[in-house]
N, C-alpha and C. Protein backbone atom coordinates (compact mmCIF):
# COMPACT_ATOMS: atom_id res chain seq x y z
N MET A 1 203.27 3.00 -72.19
CA MET A 1 203.69 1.84 -71.43
C MET A 1 202.69 1.64 -70.29
N LYS A 2 202.29 0.41 -70.09
CA LYS A 2 201.33 0.08 -69.03
C LYS A 2 201.89 -1.08 -68.22
N SER A 3 201.75 -1.00 -66.92
CA SER A 3 202.17 -2.12 -66.07
C SER A 3 201.02 -3.09 -65.90
N TYR A 4 201.31 -4.34 -65.90
CA TYR A 4 200.35 -5.44 -65.76
C TYR A 4 200.64 -6.19 -64.48
N VAL A 5 199.71 -7.01 -64.09
CA VAL A 5 199.95 -7.98 -63.03
C VAL A 5 199.94 -9.35 -63.68
N ILE A 6 200.50 -10.31 -63.01
CA ILE A 6 200.68 -11.64 -63.59
C ILE A 6 199.35 -12.25 -64.06
N ARG A 7 198.28 -12.07 -63.31
CA ARG A 7 197.01 -12.69 -63.71
C ARG A 7 196.51 -12.17 -65.06
N ASP A 8 196.93 -10.95 -65.45
CA ASP A 8 196.54 -10.39 -66.74
C ASP A 8 197.16 -11.16 -67.91
N LEU A 9 198.19 -11.91 -67.64
CA LEU A 9 198.88 -12.66 -68.69
C LEU A 9 198.28 -14.03 -68.96
N SER A 10 197.39 -14.50 -68.10
CA SER A 10 196.89 -15.87 -68.21
C SER A 10 196.28 -16.16 -69.57
N LYS A 11 195.65 -15.19 -70.19
CA LYS A 11 195.02 -15.43 -71.50
C LYS A 11 196.05 -15.75 -72.58
N TYR A 12 197.30 -15.36 -72.38
CA TYR A 12 198.35 -15.63 -73.37
C TYR A 12 199.02 -16.98 -73.13
N PHE A 13 198.57 -17.69 -72.10
CA PHE A 13 199.11 -19.00 -71.79
C PHE A 13 198.00 -20.06 -71.74
N SER A 14 196.85 -19.74 -72.33
CA SER A 14 195.74 -20.68 -72.35
C SER A 14 195.61 -21.29 -73.75
N LYS A 15 194.82 -22.31 -73.86
CA LYS A 15 194.60 -22.98 -75.14
C LYS A 15 193.78 -22.08 -76.06
N GLY A 16 193.81 -22.40 -77.32
CA GLY A 16 193.01 -21.65 -78.28
C GLY A 16 193.82 -20.69 -79.14
N HIS A 17 195.11 -20.61 -78.89
CA HIS A 17 196.00 -19.75 -79.68
C HIS A 17 197.12 -20.61 -80.25
N THR A 18 197.69 -20.13 -81.32
CA THR A 18 198.92 -20.72 -81.83
C THR A 18 200.07 -20.01 -81.12
N VAL A 19 201.00 -20.77 -80.57
CA VAL A 19 202.10 -20.21 -79.81
C VAL A 19 203.42 -20.68 -80.41
N TYR A 20 204.32 -19.73 -80.60
CA TYR A 20 205.67 -20.05 -81.04
C TYR A 20 206.64 -19.53 -80.00
N ASN A 21 207.43 -20.41 -79.44
CA ASN A 21 208.45 -20.05 -78.46
C ASN A 21 209.83 -20.13 -79.12
N GLU A 22 210.54 -19.03 -79.05
CA GLU A 22 211.93 -18.96 -79.54
C GLU A 22 212.11 -19.57 -80.92
N ARG A 23 211.31 -19.11 -81.86
CA ARG A 23 211.43 -19.55 -83.26
C ARG A 23 212.09 -18.45 -84.08
N ASP A 24 213.00 -18.85 -84.96
CA ASP A 24 213.67 -17.88 -85.82
C ASP A 24 212.69 -17.34 -86.86
N ILE A 25 212.82 -16.03 -87.12
CA ILE A 25 212.07 -15.37 -88.18
C ILE A 25 213.10 -14.70 -89.08
N LEU A 26 213.04 -14.96 -90.35
CA LEU A 26 213.97 -14.37 -91.31
C LEU A 26 213.30 -13.18 -91.97
N SER A 27 213.92 -12.01 -91.86
CA SER A 27 213.36 -10.81 -92.48
C SER A 27 213.69 -10.78 -93.97
N ARG A 28 213.08 -9.85 -94.67
CA ARG A 28 213.35 -9.69 -96.11
C ARG A 28 214.81 -9.35 -96.37
N THR A 29 215.45 -8.71 -95.40
CA THR A 29 216.85 -8.32 -95.57
C THR A 29 217.81 -9.43 -95.18
N GLY A 30 217.28 -10.54 -94.67
CA GLY A 30 218.12 -11.66 -94.29
C GLY A 30 218.51 -11.69 -92.83
N LYS A 31 218.04 -10.71 -92.05
CA LYS A 31 218.34 -10.69 -90.62
C LYS A 31 217.43 -11.70 -89.90
N ILE A 32 218.00 -12.37 -88.90
CA ILE A 32 217.23 -13.36 -88.14
C ILE A 32 216.81 -12.75 -86.80
N TYR A 33 215.52 -12.90 -86.48
CA TYR A 33 214.96 -12.45 -85.20
C TYR A 33 214.44 -13.67 -84.47
N ARG A 34 214.50 -13.62 -83.13
CA ARG A 34 214.01 -14.74 -82.33
C ARG A 34 213.27 -14.21 -81.11
N PRO A 35 211.99 -13.86 -81.25
CA PRO A 35 211.21 -13.43 -80.07
C PRO A 35 211.00 -14.61 -79.12
N ASP A 36 210.88 -14.31 -77.83
CA ASP A 36 210.70 -15.37 -76.84
C ASP A 36 209.37 -16.09 -77.01
N ARG A 37 208.28 -15.33 -77.25
CA ARG A 37 206.97 -15.96 -77.36
C ARG A 37 206.08 -15.12 -78.27
N LEU A 38 205.46 -15.78 -79.23
CA LEU A 38 204.44 -15.15 -80.07
C LEU A 38 203.14 -15.90 -79.84
N VAL A 39 202.08 -15.15 -79.55
CA VAL A 39 200.75 -15.73 -79.35
C VAL A 39 199.87 -15.20 -80.48
N ILE A 40 199.39 -16.09 -81.32
CA ILE A 40 198.67 -15.70 -82.53
C ILE A 40 197.26 -16.27 -82.50
N ASN A 41 196.27 -15.40 -82.77
CA ASN A 41 194.89 -15.89 -82.84
C ASN A 41 194.52 -16.18 -84.29
N ASN A 42 193.29 -16.61 -84.51
CA ASN A 42 192.88 -17.03 -85.85
C ASN A 42 192.65 -15.85 -86.81
N LYS A 43 192.78 -14.62 -86.33
CA LYS A 43 192.65 -13.43 -87.17
C LYS A 43 194.02 -12.88 -87.58
N LYS A 44 195.08 -13.64 -87.31
CA LYS A 44 196.46 -13.23 -87.58
C LYS A 44 196.86 -12.02 -86.73
N GLU A 45 196.28 -11.94 -85.53
CA GLU A 45 196.66 -10.90 -84.56
C GLU A 45 197.66 -11.52 -83.59
N VAL A 46 198.71 -10.76 -83.30
CA VAL A 46 199.83 -11.30 -82.55
C VAL A 46 200.11 -10.48 -81.29
N VAL A 47 200.40 -11.19 -80.21
CA VAL A 47 200.95 -10.60 -78.99
C VAL A 47 202.39 -11.09 -78.90
N ILE A 48 203.31 -10.13 -78.78
CA ILE A 48 204.72 -10.45 -78.66
C ILE A 48 205.09 -10.38 -77.18
N ILE A 49 205.69 -11.44 -76.66
CA ILE A 49 206.13 -11.46 -75.26
C ILE A 49 207.63 -11.74 -75.25
N ASP A 50 208.36 -10.90 -74.53
CA ASP A 50 209.80 -11.09 -74.40
C ASP A 50 210.17 -11.03 -72.93
N TYR A 51 211.04 -11.93 -72.52
CA TYR A 51 211.46 -12.03 -71.12
C TYR A 51 212.85 -11.42 -70.97
N LYS A 52 213.05 -10.69 -69.89
CA LYS A 52 214.33 -10.05 -69.62
C LYS A 52 214.70 -10.22 -68.16
N THR A 53 215.99 -10.19 -67.90
CA THR A 53 216.49 -10.10 -66.52
C THR A 53 217.26 -8.80 -66.41
N GLY A 54 217.45 -8.33 -65.22
CA GLY A 54 218.17 -7.07 -65.04
C GLY A 54 217.23 -5.89 -65.07
N LEU A 55 217.81 -4.73 -65.28
CA LEU A 55 217.08 -3.48 -65.24
C LEU A 55 216.47 -3.14 -66.59
N HIS A 56 215.48 -2.25 -66.54
CA HIS A 56 214.86 -1.74 -67.76
C HIS A 56 215.92 -1.10 -68.65
N ASN A 57 215.82 -1.35 -69.94
CA ASN A 57 216.74 -0.76 -70.89
C ASN A 57 215.94 -0.37 -72.14
N PRO A 58 216.07 0.88 -72.60
CA PRO A 58 215.31 1.31 -73.78
C PRO A 58 215.54 0.45 -75.02
N LYS A 59 216.68 -0.23 -75.11
CA LYS A 59 216.94 -1.06 -76.28
C LYS A 59 215.95 -2.22 -76.38
N TYR A 60 215.35 -2.61 -75.26
CA TYR A 60 214.36 -3.69 -75.29
C TYR A 60 213.11 -3.28 -76.05
N GLN A 61 212.71 -2.01 -75.91
CA GLN A 61 211.56 -1.51 -76.66
C GLN A 61 211.88 -1.51 -78.16
N HIS A 62 213.10 -1.16 -78.51
CA HIS A 62 213.51 -1.18 -79.92
C HIS A 62 213.50 -2.61 -80.46
N GLN A 63 213.90 -3.54 -79.62
CA GLN A 63 213.88 -4.95 -80.03
C GLN A 63 212.45 -5.40 -80.30
N LEU A 64 211.51 -5.02 -79.44
CA LEU A 64 210.11 -5.36 -79.67
C LEU A 64 209.61 -4.75 -80.98
N GLN A 65 210.04 -3.51 -81.25
CA GLN A 65 209.63 -2.85 -82.49
C GLN A 65 210.19 -3.58 -83.70
N ASP A 66 211.42 -4.07 -83.61
CA ASP A 66 211.99 -4.87 -84.70
C ASP A 66 211.16 -6.12 -84.95
N TYR A 67 210.76 -6.78 -83.88
CA TYR A 67 209.90 -7.96 -84.02
C TYR A 67 208.59 -7.58 -84.70
N GLN A 68 208.01 -6.47 -84.26
CA GLN A 68 206.76 -6.02 -84.84
C GLN A 68 206.93 -5.76 -86.34
N ASP A 69 207.99 -5.07 -86.70
CA ASP A 69 208.21 -4.72 -88.10
C ASP A 69 208.30 -5.96 -88.99
N VAL A 70 209.06 -6.95 -88.55
CA VAL A 70 209.23 -8.15 -89.37
C VAL A 70 207.93 -8.95 -89.44
N LEU A 71 207.17 -8.98 -88.37
CA LEU A 71 205.88 -9.69 -88.40
C LEU A 71 204.86 -8.97 -89.28
N GLU A 72 204.89 -7.65 -89.26
CA GLU A 72 203.98 -6.89 -90.12
C GLU A 72 204.33 -7.09 -91.60
N GLU A 73 205.61 -7.30 -91.90
CA GLU A 73 206.02 -7.65 -93.27
C GLU A 73 205.34 -8.94 -93.71
N MET A 74 205.01 -9.80 -92.73
CA MET A 74 204.38 -11.09 -93.00
C MET A 74 202.85 -11.00 -92.91
N ASN A 75 202.33 -9.77 -92.86
CA ASN A 75 200.89 -9.49 -92.82
C ASN A 75 200.21 -9.89 -91.52
N TYR A 76 200.95 -9.85 -90.42
CA TYR A 76 200.34 -10.03 -89.10
C TYR A 76 200.06 -8.66 -88.50
N LYS A 77 199.04 -8.61 -87.65
CA LYS A 77 198.72 -7.38 -86.93
C LYS A 77 199.16 -7.56 -85.49
N ILE A 78 199.97 -6.65 -84.99
CA ILE A 78 200.46 -6.73 -83.62
C ILE A 78 199.46 -5.98 -82.73
N THR A 79 198.91 -6.68 -81.77
CA THR A 79 197.93 -6.06 -80.88
C THR A 79 198.54 -5.64 -79.55
N LYS A 80 199.66 -6.27 -79.18
CA LYS A 80 200.28 -5.93 -77.90
C LYS A 80 201.71 -6.43 -77.90
N LYS A 81 202.57 -5.67 -77.22
CA LYS A 81 203.96 -6.08 -77.00
C LYS A 81 204.19 -6.04 -75.50
N ILE A 82 204.73 -7.12 -74.95
CA ILE A 82 204.87 -7.25 -73.50
C ILE A 82 206.32 -7.60 -73.16
N LEU A 83 206.89 -6.84 -72.25
CA LEU A 83 208.18 -7.18 -71.66
C LEU A 83 207.94 -7.69 -70.26
N ILE A 84 208.50 -8.84 -69.94
CA ILE A 84 208.39 -9.40 -68.60
C ILE A 84 209.79 -9.45 -68.01
N TYR A 85 210.01 -8.63 -66.99
CA TYR A 85 211.29 -8.61 -66.30
C TYR A 85 211.24 -9.60 -65.16
N ILE A 86 212.16 -10.55 -65.18
CA ILE A 86 212.18 -11.59 -64.15
C ILE A 86 213.47 -11.40 -63.34
N ASN A 87 213.33 -10.91 -62.15
CA ASN A 87 214.44 -10.70 -61.24
C ASN A 87 214.05 -11.33 -59.91
N GLU A 88 214.23 -10.62 -58.82
CA GLU A 88 213.75 -11.11 -57.53
C GLU A 88 212.23 -11.16 -57.51
N GLY A 89 211.61 -10.27 -58.26
CA GLY A 89 210.18 -10.25 -58.46
C GLY A 89 209.92 -10.25 -59.96
N VAL A 90 208.68 -10.09 -60.33
CA VAL A 90 208.31 -10.03 -61.75
C VAL A 90 207.69 -8.68 -62.02
N LYS A 91 208.17 -8.01 -63.05
CA LYS A 91 207.60 -6.72 -63.47
C LYS A 91 207.20 -6.86 -64.93
N ILE A 92 205.98 -6.43 -65.24
CA ILE A 92 205.44 -6.60 -66.59
C ILE A 92 205.12 -5.23 -67.15
N GLN A 93 205.58 -4.97 -68.37
CA GLN A 93 205.27 -3.72 -69.06
C GLN A 93 204.72 -4.05 -70.44
N THR A 94 203.68 -3.31 -70.85
CA THR A 94 203.11 -3.51 -72.17
C THR A 94 203.24 -2.23 -72.99
N TYR A 95 203.27 -2.43 -74.28
CA TYR A 95 203.39 -1.32 -75.22
C TYR A 95 202.40 -1.51 -76.35
């Protein structure tokens, strides 16, 4: 786990990537996943970004892993997973 600062995220909010916000993904088993933000480059490499409020919870890391698993089933390569905690301040963690 690595902590980021907000300016490190700017590349995931710039032009030149395909971005999907809150889009349903159907797994092979029929389960529906809805990541907050997927940033995809032209090499099918994906950064998963999920926003949370409240305190850190280990289940959020498991949720990111579920997103990764279903995207890898679709032949995408996950390069980074980012949790952004939005409370009184902003805390960013990457995996």
